[in-house]
C-alpha atoms as a PDB file:
ATOM      1  CA  UNK A   1     -11.003  11.183 -32.435  1.00  0.00           C
ATOM      2  CA  UNK A   2     -11.007   8.883 -29.703  1.00  0.00           C
ATOM      3  CA  UNK A   3      -8.394   6.497 -31.306  1.00  0.00           C
ATOM      4  CA  UNK A   4      -6.213   9.672 -32.093  1.00  0.00           C
ATOM      5  CA  UNK A   5      -6.247  10.854 -28.426  1.00  0.00           C
ATOM      6  CA  UNK A   6      -5.337   7.580 -27.215  1.00  0.00           C
ATOM      7  CA  UNK A   7      -2.380   7.518 -29.677  1.00  0.00           C
ATOM      8  CA  UNK A   8      -1.100  10.893 -28.683  1.00  0.00           C
ATOM      9  CA  UNK A   9      -1.353   9.812 -25.071  1.00  0.00           C
ATOM     10  CA  UNK A  10       0.690   6.808 -25.554  1.00  0.00           C
ATOM     11  CA  UNK A  11       3.297   8.882 -27.829  1.00  0.00           C
ATOM     12  CA  UNK A  12       3.406  11.318 -24.827  1.00  0.00           C
ATOM     13  CA  UNK A  13       4.056   8.546 -22.267  1.00  0.00           C
ATOM     14  CA  UNK A  14       6.658   7.060 -24.506  1.00  0.00           C
ATOM     15  CA  UNK A  15       8.511  10.511 -25.227  1.00  0.00           C
ATOM     16  CA  UNK A  16       8.460  11.169 -21.417  1.00  0.00           C
ATOM     17  CA  UNK A  17       9.670   7.730 -20.624  1.00  0.00           C
ATOM     18  CA  UNK A  18      12.622   8.082 -23.146  1.00  0.00           C
ATOM     19  CA  UNK A  19      13.407  11.482 -21.624  1.00  0.00           C
ATOM     20  CA  UNK A  20      13.546  10.047 -18.176  1.00  0.00           C
ATOM     21  CA  UNK A  21      15.955   7.408 -19.272  1.00  0.00           C
ATOM     22  CA  UNK A  22      18.247   9.970 -21.009  1.00  0.00           C
ATOM     23  CA  UNK A  23      18.214  12.144 -17.727  1.00  0.00           C
ATOM     24  CA  UNK A  24      19.068   8.700 -15.932  1.00  0.00           C
ATOM     25  CA  UNK A  25      22.040   8.292 -17.996  1.00  0.00           C
ATOM     26  CA  UNK A  26      23.116  12.230 -17.284  1.00  0.00           C
ATOM     27  CA  UNK A  27      22.713  11.607 -13.540  1.00  0.00           C
ATOM     28  CA  UNK A  28      25.177   8.751 -13.954  1.00  0.00           C
ATOM     29  CA  UNK A  29      27.508  10.682 -15.842  1.00  0.00           C
ATOM     30  CA  UNK A  30      27.351  13.672 -13.559  1.00  0.00           C
ATOM     31  CA  UNK A  31      28.109  11.552 -10.644  1.00  0.00           C
ATOM     32  CA  UNK A  32      31.134   9.738 -12.121  1.00  0.00           C
ATOM     33  CA  UNK A  33      32.562  12.760 -13.006  1.00  0.00           C
ATOM     34  CA  UNK A  34      31.908  14.988  -9.844  1.00  0.00           C
ATOM     35  CA  UNK A  35      31.140  12.201  -7.104  1.00  0.00           C
ATOM     36  CA  UNK A  36      27.918  12.171  -5.096  1.00  0.00           C
ATOM     37  CA  UNK A  37      28.970  14.649  -2.323  1.00  0.00           C
ATOM     38  CA  UNK A  38      30.005  17.510  -4.719  1.00  0.00           C
ATOM     39  CA  UNK A  39      27.066  16.749  -7.319  1.00  0.00           C
ATOM     40  CA  UNK A  40      24.963  19.745  -7.984  1.00  0.00           C
ATOM     41  CA  UNK A  41      21.447  19.891  -9.934  1.00  0.00           C
ATOM     42  CA  UNK A  42      23.522  22.236 -12.416  1.00  0.00           C
ATOM     43  CA  UNK A  43      25.914  19.348 -13.223  1.00  0.00           C
ATOM     44  CA  UNK A  44      22.848  17.132 -14.227  1.00  0.00           C
ATOM     45  CA  UNK A  45      21.227  19.785 -16.315  1.00  0.00           C
ATOM     46  CA  UNK A  46      24.529  20.283 -18.178  1.00  0.00           C
ATOM     47  CA  UNK A  47      24.946  16.737 -18.874  1.00  0.00           C
ATOM     48  CA  UNK A  48      21.453  16.552 -20.097  1.00  0.00           C
ATOM     49  CA  UNK A  49      21.733  19.660 -22.130  1.00  0.00           C
ATOM     50  CA  UNK A  50      18.826  21.184 -20.190  1.00  0.00           C
ATOM     51  CA  UNK A  51      17.992  23.816 -17.742  1.00  0.00           C
ATOM     52  CA  UNK A  52      17.972  23.084 -13.968  1.00  0.00           C
ATOM     53  CA  UNK A  53      14.285  23.727 -14.059  1.00  0.00           C
ATOM     54  CA  UNK A  54      13.820  21.021 -16.559  1.00  0.00           C
ATOM     55  CA  UNK A  55      15.443  18.542 -14.447  1.00  0.00           C
ATOM     56  CA  UNK A  56      13.512  19.311 -11.542  1.00  0.00           C
ATOM     57  CA  UNK A  57       9.954  18.321 -13.474  1.00  0.00           C
ATOM     58  CA  UNK A  58      11.402  14.779 -12.885  1.00  0.00           C
ATOM     59  CA  UNK A  59      12.265  15.110  -9.408  1.00  0.00           C
ATOM     60  CA  UNK A  60      14.736  16.883  -6.915  1.00  0.00           C
ATOM     61  CA  UNK A  61      18.311  16.087  -6.866  1.00  0.00           C
ATOM     62  CA  UNK A  62      17.958  13.422  -4.002  1.00  0.00           C
ATOM     63  CA  UNK A  63      15.226  11.702  -5.812  1.00  0.00           C
ATOM     64  CA  UNK A  64      16.982  11.355  -9.112  1.00  0.00           C
ATOM     65  CA  UNK A  65      20.292  10.065  -7.109  1.00  0.00           C
ATOM     66  CA  UNK A  66      18.280   7.530  -5.449  1.00  0.00           C
ATOM     67  CA  UNK A  67      16.612   6.263  -8.702  1.00  0.00           C
ATOM     68  CA  UNK A  68      20.064   5.957 -10.095  1.00  0.00           C
ATOM     69  CA  UNK A  69      21.218   4.121  -7.322  1.00  0.00           C
ATOM     70  CA  UNK A  70      18.347   1.734  -7.682  1.00  0.00           C
ATOM     71  CA  UNK A  71      18.660   1.154 -11.238  1.00  0.00           C
ATOM     72  CA  UNK A  72      22.433   0.460 -10.978  1.00  0.00           C
ATOM     73  CA  UNK A  73      21.753  -2.155  -8.030  1.00  0.00           C
ATOM     74  CA  UNK A  74      19.323  -3.962 -10.620  1.00  0.00           C
ATOM     75  CA  UNK A  75      21.717  -3.865 -13.481  1.00  0.00           C
ATOM     76  CA  UNK A  76      24.619  -5.500 -11.438  1.00  0.00           C
ATOM     77  CA  UNK A  77      22.497  -7.941  -9.871  1.00  0.00           C
ATOM     78  CA  UNK A  78      20.715  -9.004 -13.153  1.00  0.00           C
ATOM     79  CA  UNK A  79      23.917  -8.984 -14.682  1.00  0.00           C
ATOM     80  CA  UNK A  80      25.622 -11.471 -12.332  1.00  0.00           C
ATOM     81  CA  UNK A  81      22.344 -13.687 -12.380  1.00  0.00           C
ATOM     82  CA  UNK A  82      22.470 -14.100 -16.027  1.00  0.00           C
ATOM     83  CA  UNK A  83      26.202 -14.928 -16.074  1.00  0.00           C
ATOM     84  CA  UNK A  84      25.499 -17.748 -13.494  1.00  0.00           C
ATOM     85  CA  UNK A  85      22.499 -19.010 -15.040  1.00  0.00           C
ATOM     86  CA  UNK A  86      24.255 -19.933 -18.192  1.00  0.00           C
ATOM     87  CA  UNK A  87      25.555 -23.061 -16.250  1.00  0.00           C
ATOM     88  CA  UNK A  88      24.107 -26.232 -14.851  1.00  0.00           C
ATOM     89  CA  UNK A  89      27.646 -27.226 -13.133  1.00  0.00           C
ATOM     90  CA  UNK A  90      27.812 -25.447  -9.830  1.00  0.00           C
ATOM     91  CA  UNK A  91      31.774 -25.182 -10.502  1.00  0.00           C
ATOM     92  CA  UNK A  92      31.104 -23.250 -13.512  1.00  0.00           C
ATOM     93  CA  UNK A  93      28.371 -21.214 -11.846  1.00  0.00           C
ATOM     94  CA  UNK A  94      30.790 -20.322  -8.770  1.00  0.00           C
ATOM     95  CA  UNK A  95      33.744 -19.247 -11.380  1.00  0.00           C
ATOM     96  CA  UNK A  96      31.127 -17.255 -13.359  1.00  0.00           C
ATOM     97  CA  UNK A  97      29.992 -15.510 -10.435  1.00  0.00           C
ATOM     98  CA  UNK A  98      33.354 -14.589  -8.931  1.00  0.00           C
ATOM     99  CA  UNK A  99      34.323 -13.283 -12.336  1.00  0.00           C
ATOM    100  CA  UNK A 100      31.133 -11.278 -12.940  1.00  0.00           C
ATOM    101  CA  UNK A 101      31.306  -9.563  -9.336  1.00  0.00           C
ATOM    102  CA  UNK A 102      34.755  -8.060  -9.685  1.00  0.00           C
ATOM    103  CA  UNK A 103      35.330  -4.612 -11.163  1.00  0.00           C
ATOM    104  CA  UNK A 104      37.269  -4.568 -14.505  1.00  0.00           C
ATOM    105  CA  UNK A 105      39.306  -1.646 -13.270  1.00  0.00           C
ATOM    106  CA  UNK A 106      39.402   1.956 -11.998  1.00  0.00           C
ATOM    107  CA  UNK A 107      37.043   2.862 -14.896  1.00  0.00           C
ATOM    108  CA  UNK A 108      34.328   0.333 -14.174  1.00  0.00           C
ATOM    109  CA  UNK A 109      31.229   2.870 -14.114  1.00  0.00           C
ATOM    110  CA  UNK A 110      28.636   0.312 -13.021  1.00  0.00           C
ATOM    111  CA  UNK A 111      30.711  -0.739  -9.825  1.00  0.00           C
ATOM    112  CA  UNK A 112      32.035   3.075  -9.362  1.00  0.00           C
ATOM    113  CA  UNK A 113      28.247   3.963  -9.334  1.00  0.00           C
ATOM    114  CA  UNK A 114      27.619   1.665  -6.282  1.00  0.00           C
ATOM    115  CA  UNK A 115      30.556   2.858  -4.347  1.00  0.00           C
ATOM    116  CA  UNK A 116      30.005   6.416  -5.214  1.00  0.00           C
ATOM    117  CA  UNK A 117      26.570   5.749  -3.106  1.00  0.00           C
ATOM    118  CA  UNK A 118      28.144   3.608  -0.348  1.00  0.00           C
ATOM    119  CA  UNK A 119      29.026   6.540   2.368  1.00  0.00           C
ATOM    120  CA  UNK A 120      25.627   7.821   2.241  1.00  0.00           C
ATOM    121  CA  UNK A 121      24.184   4.769   3.655  1.00  0.00           C
ATOM    122  CA  UNK A 122      25.475   5.811   6.911  1.00  0.00           C
ATOM    123  CA  UNK A 123      23.131   8.687   7.105  1.00  0.00           C
ATOM    124  CA  UNK A 124      20.302   7.801   4.630  1.00  0.00           C
ATOM    125  CA  UNK A 125      17.818   5.233   5.529  1.00  0.00           C
ATOM    126  CA  UNK A 126      16.594   4.825   1.969  1.00  0.00           C
ATOM    127  CA  UNK A 127      20.147   4.365   0.811  1.00  0.00           C
ATOM    128  CA  UNK A 128      20.832   1.776   3.462  1.00  0.00           C
ATOM    129  CA  UNK A 129      17.845  -0.251   2.754  1.00  0.00           C
ATOM    130  CA  UNK A 130      18.806  -0.447  -0.810  1.00  0.00           C
ATOM    131  CA  UNK A 131      22.669  -1.484  -0.134  1.00  0.00           C
ATOM    132  CA  UNK A 132      20.820  -3.960   2.369  1.00  0.00           C
ATOM    133  CA  UNK A 133      19.061  -5.382  -0.565  1.00  0.00           C
ATOM    134  CA  UNK A 134      22.071  -5.527  -2.716  1.00  0.00           C
ATOM    135  CA  UNK A 135      24.069  -7.311  -0.344  1.00  0.00           C
ATOM    136  CA  UNK A 136      21.301  -9.736   0.245  1.00  0.00           C
ATOM    137  CA  UNK A 137      20.695 -10.411  -3.410  1.00  0.00           C
ATOM    138  CA  UNK A 138      24.292 -10.996  -3.838  1.00  0.00           C
ATOM    139  CA  UNK A 139      24.785 -13.326  -0.788  1.00  0.00           C
ATOM    140  CA  UNK A 140      21.482 -15.111  -2.037  1.00  0.00           C
ATOM    141  CA  UNK A 141      23.262 -16.038  -5.615  1.00  0.00           C
ATOM    142  CA  UNK A 142      26.310 -17.557  -3.829  1.00  0.00           C
ATOM    143  CA  UNK A 143      24.426 -19.587  -1.409  1.00  0.00           C
ATOM    144  CA  UNK A 144      22.074 -21.092  -4.002  1.00  0.00           C
ATOM    145  CA  UNK A 145      25.411 -22.241  -5.984  1.00  0.00           C
ATOM    146  CA  UNK A 146      27.008 -23.453  -2.919  1.00  0.00           C
ATOM    147  CA  UNK A 147      23.766 -25.711  -2.258  1.00  0.00           C
ATOM    148  CA  UNK A 148      23.825 -26.690  -5.681  1.00  0.00           C
ATOM    149  CA  UNK A 149      27.663 -27.715  -5.759  1.00  0.00           C
ATOM    150  CA  UNK A 150      27.042 -29.640  -2.344  1.00  0.00           C
ATOM    151  CA  UNK A 151      24.089 -31.578  -4.002  1.00  0.00           C
ATOM    152  CA  UNK A 152      26.019 -32.303  -7.120  1.00  0.00           C
ATOM    153  CA  UNK A 153      28.795 -33.681  -5.105  1.00  0.00           C
ATOM    154  CA  UNK A 154      31.523 -31.080  -6.321  1.00  0.00           C
ATOM    155  CA  UNK A 155      31.619 -29.064  -2.767  1.00  0.00           C
ATOM    156  CA  UNK A 156      32.504 -29.906   0.569  1.00  0.00           C
ATOM    157  CA  UNK A 157      31.410 -27.046   2.730  1.00  0.00           C
ATOM    158  CA  UNK A 158      33.502 -26.126   5.866  1.00  0.00           C
ATOM    159  CA  UNK A 159      30.378 -23.667   6.949  1.00  0.00           C
ATOM    160  CA  UNK A 160      26.893 -23.116   6.384  1.00  0.00           C
ATOM    161  CA  UNK A 161      26.367 -21.981   2.779  1.00  0.00           C
ATOM    162  CA  UNK A 162      24.737 -18.650   3.889  1.00  0.00           C
ATOM    163  CA  UNK A 163      28.136 -17.860   6.036  1.00  0.00           C
ATOM    164  CA  UNK A 164      30.288 -18.733   3.142  1.00  0.00           C
ATOM    165  CA  UNK A 165      28.325 -16.772   0.882  1.00  0.00           C
ATOM    166  CA  UNK A 166      28.306 -13.495   3.273  1.00  0.00           C
ATOM    167  CA  UNK A 167      31.900 -13.983   3.487  1.00  0.00           C
ATOM    168  CA  UNK A 168      32.436 -13.885  -0.357  1.00  0.00           C
ATOM    169  CA  UNK A 169      30.202 -10.921  -0.689  1.00  0.00           C
ATOM    170  CA  UNK A 170      32.341  -9.141   2.259  1.00  0.00           C
ATOM    171  CA  UNK A 171      35.516  -9.908   0.668  1.00  0.00           C
ATOM    172  CA  UNK A 172      34.486  -8.522  -2.736  1.00  0.00           C
ATOM    173  CA  UNK A 173      33.077  -5.228  -1.301  1.00  0.00           C
ATOM    174  CA  UNK A 174      36.621  -4.989   0.335  1.00  0.00           C
ATOM    175  CA  UNK A 175      38.522  -5.717  -2.569  1.00  0.00           C
ATOM    176  CA  UNK A 176      36.530  -3.517  -4.883  1.00  0.00           C
ATOM    177  CA  UNK A 177      37.575  -0.284  -3.586  1.00  0.00           C
ATOM    178  CA  UNK A 178      41.300  -1.802  -4.230  1.00  0.00           C
ATOM    179  CA  UNK A 179      40.478  -2.435  -7.739  1.00  0.00           C
ATOM    180  CA  UNK A 180      38.956   1.045  -8.286  1.00  0.00           C
ATOM    181  CA  UNK A 181      41.739   3.135  -6.529  1.00  0.00           C
ATOM    182  CA  UNK A 182      44.179   1.131  -8.830  1.00  0.00           C
ATOM    183  CA  UNK A 183      45.982  -0.466  -5.860  1.00  0.00           C
ATOM    184  CA  UNK A 184      45.137  -4.077  -6.946  1.00  0.00           C
ATOM    185  CA  UNK A 185      44.356  -5.711 -10.250  1.00  0.00           C
ATOM    186  CA  UNK A 186      41.018  -7.564 -11.246  1.00  0.00           C
ATOM    187  CA  UNK A 187      43.156 -10.840 -11.549  1.00  0.00           C
ATOM    188  CA  UNK A 188      44.647 -10.446  -8.146  1.00  0.00           C
ATOM    189  CA  UNK A 189      40.979 -10.238  -6.454  1.00  0.00           C
ATOM    190  CA  UNK A 190      39.767 -13.166  -8.462  1.00  0.00           C
ATOM    191  CA  UNK A 191      42.887 -15.101  -7.201  1.00  0.00           C
ATOM    192  CA  UNK A 192      42.163 -14.123  -3.675  1.00  0.00           C
ATOM    193  CA  UNK A 193      38.420 -15.137  -3.795  1.00  0.00           C
ATOM    194  CA  UNK A 194      39.441 -18.380  -5.601  1.00  0.00           C
ATOM    195  CA  UNK A 195      41.798 -18.919  -2.700  1.00  0.00           C
ATOM    196  CA  UNK A 196      38.801 -18.472  -0.150  1.00  0.00           C
ATOM    197  CA  UNK A 197      36.760 -20.756  -2.269  1.00  0.00           C
ATOM    198  CA  UNK A 198      39.411 -23.463  -2.263  1.00  0.00           C
ATOM    199  CA  UNK A 199      39.306 -23.401   1.442  1.00  0.00           C
ATOM    200  CA  UNK A 200      35.630 -23.235   2.044  1.00  0.00           C
ATOM    201  CA  UNK A 201      34.469 -25.889  -0.599  1.00  0.00           C
ATOM    202  CA  UNK A 202      37.289 -27.750  -1.359  1.00  0.00           C
ATOM    203  CA  UNK A 203      36.993 -26.613  -5.129  1.00  0.00           C
ATOM    204  CA  UNK A 204      39.216 -24.542  -7.091  1.00  0.00           C
ATOM    205  CA  UNK A 205      37.093 -22.365  -9.386  1.00  0.00           C
ATOM    206  CA  UNK A 206      39.979 -21.328 -11.670  1.00  0.00           C
ATOM    207  CA  UNK A 207      40.359 -25.310 -12.466  1.00  0.00           C
ATOM    208  CA  UNK A 208      38.884 -26.331 -15.776  1.00  0.00           C
ATOM    209  CA  UNK A 209      36.186 -28.867 -15.108  1.00  0.00           C
ATOM    210  CA  UNK A 210      35.857 -29.930 -18.777  1.00  0.00           C
ATOM    211  CA  UNK A 211      31.903 -28.981 -18.638  1.00  0.00           C
ATOM    212  CA  UNK A 212      30.143 -26.619 -20.838  1.00  0.00           C
ATOM    213  CA  UNK A 213      27.366 -24.512 -20.482  1.00  0.00           C
ATOM    214  CA  UNK A 214      23.923 -25.995 -19.973  1.00  0.00           C
END
C-alpha cells in the first residue's frame, strides 16, 4: 500500500506540474494577444480552456504574470548564453551574442513578452527587480566576451569592459522596440550594433574570422 501511495503522489505532482506548464503557455498567449494592461483573468482562462476559478488555483493574475515574466527572462538569457558558449574565439562569441540578442521581427514572441512587461517596472518593485536582473545578466555576457577578446589579442577596448557591455545592452533595448514595431529590420539593428563594436573594440563582428566553433 505504501508503494502505491507514493506512486500516486508522484503522478499527482507530475500532473500538477504539467497543468501549470500548460497554464503558463496560456498566460503567454493571452499576454501576446491582449497586452499586459488589458489582460484579464478571463483571457487566461479562455486560452487554457478552463474556468477562471480553475486558473486561480495556481495563483492570482499578478502572480501568474510575474512567473511568466521570470520564465521569459530565464529562457532569453539561457538561449543567449548557449549561443555564445558554442565558440572559443571571442570574435565569434561577440557575433553570436549580437545575433541572438536582436528580435527576429514584430512576431518574435519571446522578445515581445519581455517588452510587454517593461512599463510595469516603473510602478512594480518586483517587476523592476526582475528587469534589473535581466539587464545585469546580459551585461555580464557581453563583458565576459570583451575581457576574453582582449586577453586573446583580438579586441582593443576603448573603454572599460563593463561600460562597453552596458552600452551594447542599452542600444539593444532601444532598437528592439523599433524592430517589434516594424520600423527597423533585424539586419539594420545588427549593422548598428556591429558599427558600435568596431568603434569600441576595433573588431568588426561581421567579418569572417575563419575559425570554427570550439
